[in-house]
Amino acid sequence: MTNKLIIKKANDLVEARYRLSLTQQRLILYLNAQIKPWDTEFQTYEISVTEFCKYLEIDPSNIYEEFLKISQGLISKSLIIGKDERTIVTAWLSSAIYNKKTGVITLRFSPELKDFLLELKKCFTIYSLNNVKKFKSTYAYRIYELLKQYINTKERERVFEIAELREILQTKELYKQYYDFKKNVLFIAQKELLNKSDIRFEFEEIKKGRSVAKIRFLIHINEKDATDKDGESKNSGELKPDVSELSFIKEPLTELDKHYILQTAEDIEIVKVIYQMSQMNKIEDLTAWMIAMIRKYKKGEVSNPVKSPQKNKFANFEQRDIDFELLERLELEQLNQASL
């Protein structure tokens, strides 16, 4: 499969209400990438069984069962698209055929998707399949597209009502508590994009009373470029700051994680302050937490009065005191949030 396959879809489809399995999501994107700019009608797209199994990462010995499971889901599962004053309920595929003799699978998009995939002139999102092909979470694909829409805006941010985002991702029944949604959707997507894509994000929680009402996504260009055919970063020579300075971090972070922590902080002393704070909290995703807290620190929302240097019992470096009153308040907010 070529590295230059392009995904192009109407923004209405990006924001449609649906939930697919990982293999179903991958297959739909693969088919999307087969569409030619000059196509005025959907074609019947062919894919060999060998390529089908390789791309979807499935066992060739179970190809018939996997084909049935994936294709039946894409024909029977509905997606809900809002367009102007209309609400369109349709399936992804109109047909799926597996020819055992030739070893070829043929698939065709549902005709109701024509306005959302063909001859798009405006209000669409476009990106390379290479930028998402390594995702292991279906939510990473969805959040990637929702944020990719806004990567070229001046603010590079997008705000969602929690209820709206849950509806788009169809997770209302799956993750009823916000804490579970945050852990299984937001944090996982955040790490996937950081390590495997061309964009990354941070997010801020906007509360109404004690509950999180909205999420503000802050979107960034990911300096870790898409990998080349050998799997190495094209910018590998540029993305190697001296992360050995972060040797005091005992958790098993990747070199890339350390790079982004150091890049965000721009000052090793800030990293030391935030890392010390992390040792006093139960952190699900240390990288994401530290980056978010570093941003707060740099905005003045986390402070540490300069006092006489002291040794940190968690790491072997000199450290200034922390504003423990603020830390206690932040910890209390986290506990309240976890209980929602």
Protein backbone atom coordinates (compact mmCIF):
# COMPACT_ATOMS: atom_id res chain seq x y z
CA MET A 1 0.00 0.00 0.00
CA THR A 2 1.44 3.38 -0.94
CA ASN A 3 2.35 5.93 1.70
CA LYS A 4 0.68 8.71 -0.28
CA LEU A 5 -2.97 7.74 -0.01
CA ILE A 6 -5.08 10.79 0.79
CA ILE A 7 -8.21 10.95 2.93
CA LYS A 8 -10.72 13.64 1.98
CA LYS A 9 -14.17 13.88 3.52
CA ALA A 10 -16.80 16.52 4.14
CA ASN A 11 -16.77 18.08 7.59
CA ASP A 12 -20.36 16.94 8.09
CA LEU A 13 -19.11 13.36 7.81
CA VAL A 14 -16.19 14.04 10.16
CA GLU A 15 -18.72 15.16 12.77
CA ALA A 16 -21.22 12.36 12.13
CA ARG A 17 -22.50 10.22 15.00
CA TYR A 18 -21.06 6.71 14.80
CA ARG A 19 -18.76 4.20 16.46
CA LEU A 20 -16.69 1.64 14.57
CA SER A 21 -14.30 -1.07 15.66
CA LEU A 22 -10.61 -0.52 14.94
CA THR A 23 -10.63 -2.83 11.90
CA GLN A 24 -13.81 -1.27 10.53
CA GLN A 25 -12.38 2.24 10.94
CA ARG A 26 -9.18 1.25 9.15
CA LEU A 27 -11.06 -0.35 6.26
CA ILE A 28 -13.30 2.68 5.72
CA LEU A 29 -10.28 4.98 5.59
CA TYR A 30 -8.51 2.65 3.19
CA LEU A 31 -11.53 2.74 0.86
CA ASN A 32 -11.79 6.51 1.22
CA ALA A 33 -8.18 6.79 0.07
CA GLN A 34 -9.01 4.86 -3.13
CA ILE A 35 -11.35 7.63 -4.32
CA LYS A 36 -9.87 9.65 -7.16
CA PRO A 37 -10.30 13.45 -7.37
CA TRP A 38 -12.11 13.06 -10.69
CA ASP A 39 -14.57 10.37 -9.53
CA THR A 40 -18.20 11.45 -9.92
CA GLU A 41 -19.63 8.10 -8.83
CA PHE A 42 -18.49 5.48 -6.35
CA GLN A 43 -16.47 2.67 -7.86
CA THR A 44 -16.35 -0.95 -6.73
CA TYR A 45 -13.06 -1.13 -4.88
CA GLU A 46 -11.00 -4.29 -4.85
CA ILE A 47 -8.50 -5.41 -2.26
CA SER A 48 -6.60 -8.69 -2.21
CA VAL A 49 -7.05 -10.98 0.76
CA THR A 50 -3.32 -10.69 1.48
CA GLU A 51 -3.45 -6.89 1.60
CA PHE A 52 -6.74 -6.99 3.51
CA CYS A 53 -5.18 -9.12 6.27
CA LYS A 54 -1.93 -7.16 6.36
CA TYR A 55 -3.51 -3.73 6.53
CA LEU A 56 -6.16 -4.69 9.08
CA GLU A 57 -3.69 -6.82 11.06
CA ILE A 58 -5.87 -9.92 11.12
CA ASP A 59 -5.02 -13.62 10.97
CA PRO A 60 -5.24 -14.94 7.35
CA SER A 61 -6.39 -18.33 8.65
CA ASN A 62 -9.61 -16.65 9.89
CA ILE A 63 -10.18 -14.49 6.82
CA TYR A 64 -13.72 -15.70 6.10
CA GLU A 65 -14.94 -15.14 9.67
CA GLU A 66 -13.17 -11.77 9.88
CA PHE A 67 -14.55 -10.69 6.52
CA LEU A 68 -18.10 -11.48 7.63
CA LYS A 69 -17.70 -9.73 10.97
CA ILE A 70 -16.17 -6.58 9.53
CA SER A 71 -18.37 -6.25 6.45
CA GLN A 72 -21.65 -7.15 8.18
CA GLY A 73 -20.93 -4.45 10.73
CA LEU A 74 -20.26 -1.84 8.05
CA ILE A 75 -23.44 -2.71 6.19
CA SER A 76 -25.68 -2.93 9.25
CA LYS A 77 -24.19 -0.23 11.49
CA SER A 78 -25.71 3.16 10.90
CA LEU A 79 -24.11 6.55 11.02
CA ILE A 80 -26.07 9.75 11.58
CA ILE A 81 -25.06 12.79 9.55
CA GLY A 82 -26.41 16.28 10.05
CA LYS A 83 -26.45 18.39 6.87
CA ASP A 84 -28.23 21.74 6.76
CA GLU A 85 -31.75 20.99 7.99
CA ARG A 86 -31.54 17.28 7.20
CA THR A 87 -30.58 14.30 9.34
CA ILE A 88 -29.31 11.41 7.25
CA VAL A 89 -29.19 7.88 8.64
CA THR A 90 -27.27 5.45 6.44
CA ALA A 91 -24.78 2.58 6.42
CA TRP A 92 -21.14 2.76 5.35
CA LEU A 93 -21.23 0.05 2.68
CA SER A 94 -23.87 -1.02 0.20
CA SER A 95 -22.13 -4.30 -0.59
CA ALA A 96 -19.15 -6.50 0.29
CA ILE A 97 -18.13 -9.59 -1.68
CA TYR A 98 -15.44 -12.15 -0.89
CA ASN A 99 -14.35 -14.33 -3.84
CA LYS A 100 -12.55 -17.37 -2.42
CA LYS A 101 -11.34 -18.50 -5.87
CA THR A 102 -9.60 -15.24 -6.82
CA GLY A 103 -8.73 -14.18 -3.30
CA VAL A 104 -10.22 -10.73 -3.88
CA ILE A 105 -12.61 -8.71 -1.74
CA THR A 106 -14.79 -6.09 -3.45
CA LEU A 107 -16.49 -3.30 -1.54
CA ARG A 108 -18.74 -0.39 -2.41
CA PHE A 109 -19.74 2.69 -0.44
CA SER A 110 -23.38 3.37 0.30
CA PRO A 111 -24.74 5.83 -2.34
CA GLU A 112 -26.03 8.14 0.42
CA LEU A 113 -22.39 9.03 1.18
CA LYS A 114 -21.79 10.51 -2.26
CA ASP A 115 -22.25 14.13 -1.15
CA PHE A 116 -19.74 13.61 1.65
CA LEU A 117 -16.92 11.87 -0.24
CA LEU A 118 -17.07 12.86 -3.92
CA GLU A 119 -16.31 16.12 -5.75
CA LEU A 120 -15.71 18.09 -2.56
CA LYS A 121 -14.97 21.76 -3.21
CA LYS A 122 -15.35 23.31 0.24
CA CYS A 123 -15.90 22.48 3.92
CA PHE A 124 -13.82 19.33 3.91
CA THR A 125 -10.95 17.82 5.89
CA ILE A 126 -7.95 16.34 4.08
CA TYR A 127 -4.92 14.44 5.36
CA SER A 128 -2.53 11.62 4.51
CA LEU A 129 -3.46 8.09 5.53
CA ASN A 130 0.18 7.75 6.56
CA ASN A 131 -0.48 10.15 9.45
CA VAL A 132 -2.98 7.84 11.15
CA LYS A 133 -2.21 4.32 9.97
CA LYS A 134 -0.42 3.32 13.18
CA PHE A 135 -3.26 4.21 15.56
CA LYS A 136 -4.44 1.41 17.82
CA SER A 137 -7.52 3.22 19.11
CA THR A 138 -10.63 3.98 17.08
CA TYR A 139 -11.09 7.12 19.20
CA ALA A 140 -7.67 8.37 18.12
CA TYR A 141 -8.90 8.34 14.51
CA ARG A 142 -12.06 10.26 15.39
CA ILE A 143 -10.40 12.90 17.57
CA TYR A 144 -7.62 13.31 15.02
CA GLU A 145 -10.14 14.23 12.33
CA LEU A 146 -12.12 16.54 14.61
CA LEU A 147 -8.94 18.45 15.46
CA LYS A 148 -7.41 18.30 11.97
CA GLN A 149 -10.35 20.43 10.81
CA TYR A 150 -9.02 23.27 12.95
CA ILE A 151 -5.26 22.95 12.48
CA ASN A 152 -5.17 25.87 10.02
CA THR A 153 -7.24 28.25 12.13
CA LYS A 154 -5.53 31.17 13.83
CA GLU A 155 -6.31 29.97 17.37
CA ARG A 156 -5.69 26.27 16.70
CA GLU A 157 -8.17 25.28 19.34
CA ARG A 158 -11.59 23.68 19.44
CA VAL A 159 -14.15 23.60 22.22
CA PHE A 160 -16.72 20.84 22.66
CA GLU A 161 -19.55 20.46 25.08
CA ILE A 162 -18.91 17.15 26.82
CA ALA A 163 -22.38 15.94 25.84
CA GLU A 164 -21.74 16.85 22.18
CA LEU A 165 -18.38 15.06 22.07
CA ARG A 166 -19.84 11.96 23.71
CA GLU A 167 -22.63 11.98 21.12
CA ILE A 168 -20.24 12.29 18.18
CA LEU A 169 -18.08 9.44 19.48
CA GLN A 170 -21.10 7.42 20.65
CA THR A 171 -19.61 6.78 24.11
CA LYS A 172 -22.51 7.91 26.29
CA GLU A 173 -23.48 4.37 27.30
CA LEU A 174 -19.96 2.95 27.15
CA TYR A 175 -18.29 5.44 29.51
CA LYS A 176 -21.00 6.95 31.67
CA GLN A 177 -18.64 8.64 34.12
CA TYR A 178 -16.47 11.51 32.90
CA TYR A 179 -13.43 10.02 34.62
CA ASP A 180 -13.76 6.85 32.52
CA PHE A 181 -14.30 8.87 29.34
CA LYS A 182 -11.20 10.92 30.08
CA LYS A 183 -9.08 7.86 30.84
CA ASN A 184 -10.22 5.62 27.98
CA VAL A 185 -10.84 8.16 25.25
CA LEU A 186 -9.05 11.48 25.80
CA PHE A 187 -5.83 10.24 27.37
CA ILE A 188 -5.43 7.34 24.95
CA ALA A 189 -6.09 9.54 21.89
CA GLN A 190 -3.69 12.15 23.26
CA LYS A 191 -0.86 9.66 23.55
CA GLU A 192 -1.57 8.09 20.16
CA LEU A 193 -1.43 11.44 18.38
CA LEU A 194 1.68 12.51 20.27
CA ASN A 195 3.65 9.42 19.30
CA LYS A 196 2.20 8.43 15.92
CA SER A 197 0.85 11.43 14.04
CA ASP A 198 1.52 14.84 12.53
CA ILE A 199 -0.53 16.75 15.12
CA ARG A 200 -0.85 16.53 18.88
CA PHE A 201 -3.07 18.16 21.46
CA GLU A 202 -3.48 19.23 25.02
CA PHE A 203 -6.86 19.81 26.60
CA GLU A 204 -8.34 22.00 29.30
CA GLU A 205 -11.44 21.21 31.30
CA ILE A 206 -14.06 23.93 31.60
CA LYS A 207 -16.25 23.34 34.62
CA LYS A 208 -19.76 24.31 35.51
CA GLY A 209 -19.93 23.98 39.26
CA ARG A 210 -18.09 20.79 40.15
CA SER A 211 -18.75 19.03 36.85
CA VAL A 212 -16.71 19.27 33.64
CA ALA A 213 -19.03 20.87 31.08
CA LYS A 214 -16.67 21.52 28.16
CA ILE A 215 -13.30 20.48 26.79
CA ARG A 216 -10.99 22.97 25.09
CA PHE A 217 -8.56 21.20 22.77
CA LEU A 218 -5.29 23.03 22.09
CA ILE A 219 -3.92 21.77 18.78
CA HIS A 220 -0.24 21.73 17.82
CA ILE A 221 1.83 20.68 14.85
CA ASN A 222 3.70 17.56 15.91
CA GLU A 223 7.38 17.99 15.16
CA LYS A 224 7.71 14.23 15.00
CA ASP A 225 7.07 13.94 11.26
CA ALA A 226 5.46 10.93 9.61
CA THR A 227 7.89 8.02 9.41
CA ASP A 228 9.53 7.00 6.18
CA LYS A 229 9.37 3.57 4.59
CA ASP A 230 12.00 2.21 6.98
CA GLY A 231 9.99 3.36 9.97
CA GLU A 232 12.50 6.02 11.03
CA SER A 233 11.51 9.59 11.72
CA LYS A 234 12.32 11.88 8.81
CA ASN A 235 13.38 14.50 11.34
CA SER A 236 15.23 12.07 13.59
CA GLY A 237 18.33 14.25 13.39
CA GLU A 238 16.38 17.27 14.65
CA LEU A 239 14.35 15.62 17.37
CA LYS A 240 17.11 14.61 19.75
CA PRO A 241 17.56 17.33 22.38
CA ASP A 242 19.70 16.41 25.36
CA VAL A 243 16.99 14.54 27.24
CA SER A 244 19.73 13.03 29.42
CA GLU A 245 19.06 16.07 31.62
CA LEU A 246 15.79 14.36 32.54
CA SER A 247 17.51 11.34 34.07
CA PHE A 248 15.85 12.22 37.40
CA ILE A 249 12.53 11.04 35.92
CA LYS A 250 12.34 7.44 37.08
CA GLU A 251 9.17 6.44 35.23
CA PRO A 252 9.71 4.57 31.90
CA LEU A 253 9.01 7.43 29.48
CA THR A 254 10.02 7.22 25.83
CA GLU A 255 12.65 9.55 24.38
CA LEU A 256 9.89 11.30 22.45
CA ASP A 257 7.85 11.85 25.63
CA LYS A 258 10.88 13.40 27.31
CA HIS A 259 11.51 15.54 24.26
CA TYR A 260 8.04 17.09 24.40
CA ILE A 261 8.22 17.65 28.13
CA LEU A 262 11.54 19.48 27.73
CA GLN A 263 10.35 21.32 24.64
CA THR A 264 7.22 22.56 26.42
CA ALA A 265 9.12 23.66 29.52
CA GLU A 266 12.07 25.29 27.73
CA ASP A 267 13.77 25.25 31.12
CA ILE A 268 15.01 22.17 32.99
CA GLU A 269 14.21 23.81 36.35
CA ILE A 270 10.52 24.00 35.44
CA VAL A 271 10.53 20.29 34.63
CA LYS A 272 12.06 19.57 38.04
CA VAL A 273 9.34 21.56 39.81
CA ILE A 274 6.52 19.83 37.97
CA TYR A 275 8.07 16.38 38.33
CA GLN A 276 8.31 16.84 42.10
CA MET A 277 4.62 17.74 42.12
CA SER A 278 3.83 14.59 40.13
CA GLN A 279 5.30 12.44 42.87
CA MET A 280 2.60 13.69 45.22
CA ASN A 281 -0.22 12.72 42.85
CA LYS A 282 -1.53 9.48 41.40
CA ILE A 283 -0.98 10.12 37.70
CA GLU A 284 -2.53 8.02 34.93
CA ASP A 285 -0.44 9.48 32.10
CA LEU A 286 2.68 11.22 33.36
CA THR A 287 3.64 12.79 30.03
CA ALA A 288 0.24 14.38 29.40
CA TRP A 289 -0.06 15.51 33.04
CA MET A 290 3.39 17.10 33.12
CA ILE A 291 2.86 18.95 29.84
CA ALA A 292 -0.47 20.33 31.07
CA MET A 293 1.02 21.38 34.42
CA ILE A 294 4.05 22.97 32.76
CA ARG A 295 1.70 25.12 30.71
CA LYS A 296 -0.12 26.16 33.89
CA TYR A 297 3.20 26.95 35.55
CA LYS A 298 4.34 29.12 32.65
CA LYS A 299 1.01 31.01 32.74
CA GLY A 300 1.50 31.71 36.43
CA GLU A 301 -1.27 29.36 37.57
CA VAL A 302 1.27 27.24 39.48
CA SER A 303 3.87 29.06 41.52
CA ASN A 304 6.79 28.18 43.76
CA PRO A 305 8.27 30.99 45.92
CA VAL A 306 12.05 31.11 45.74
CA LYS A 307 13.52 29.86 49.01
CA SER A 308 16.72 28.19 50.05
CA PRO A 309 17.56 25.21 47.85
CA GLN A 310 16.72 21.79 49.26
CA LYS A 311 17.11 18.21 48.15
CA ASN A 312 14.07 16.48 46.71
CA LYS A 313 13.63 13.06 48.25
CA PHE A 314 12.22 11.72 44.98
CA ALA A 315 15.05 12.81 42.70
CA ASN A 316 18.68 13.75 43.12
CA PHE A 317 18.63 17.44 42.24
CA GLU A 318 18.33 20.77 43.97
CA GLN A 319 14.80 22.07 44.03
CA ARG A 320 12.96 25.17 45.13
CA ASP A 321 9.92 24.89 47.41
CA ILE A 322 6.46 24.47 45.90
CA ASP A 323 3.33 26.42 46.62
CA PHE A 324 1.74 23.62 48.68
CA GLU A 325 -1.49 25.52 49.22
CA LEU A 326 -2.03 25.60 45.48
CA LEU A 327 -0.94 21.97 45.16
CA GLU A 328 -3.49 20.93 47.79
CA ARG A 329 -6.22 22.75 45.87
CA LEU A 330 -5.21 21.05 42.60
CA GLU A 331 -5.23 17.65 44.29
CA LEU A 332 -8.70 18.34 45.71
CA GLU A 333 -9.96 19.29 42.24
CA GLN A 334 -8.60 16.01 40.85
CA LEU A 335 -10.33 14.00 43.59
CA ASN A 336 -13.60 15.81 42.96
CA GLN A 337 -13.28 15.19 39.24
CA ALA A 338 -12.55 11.49 39.74
CA SER A 339 -15.72 11.13 41.78
CA LEU A 340 -17.97 12.56 39.06
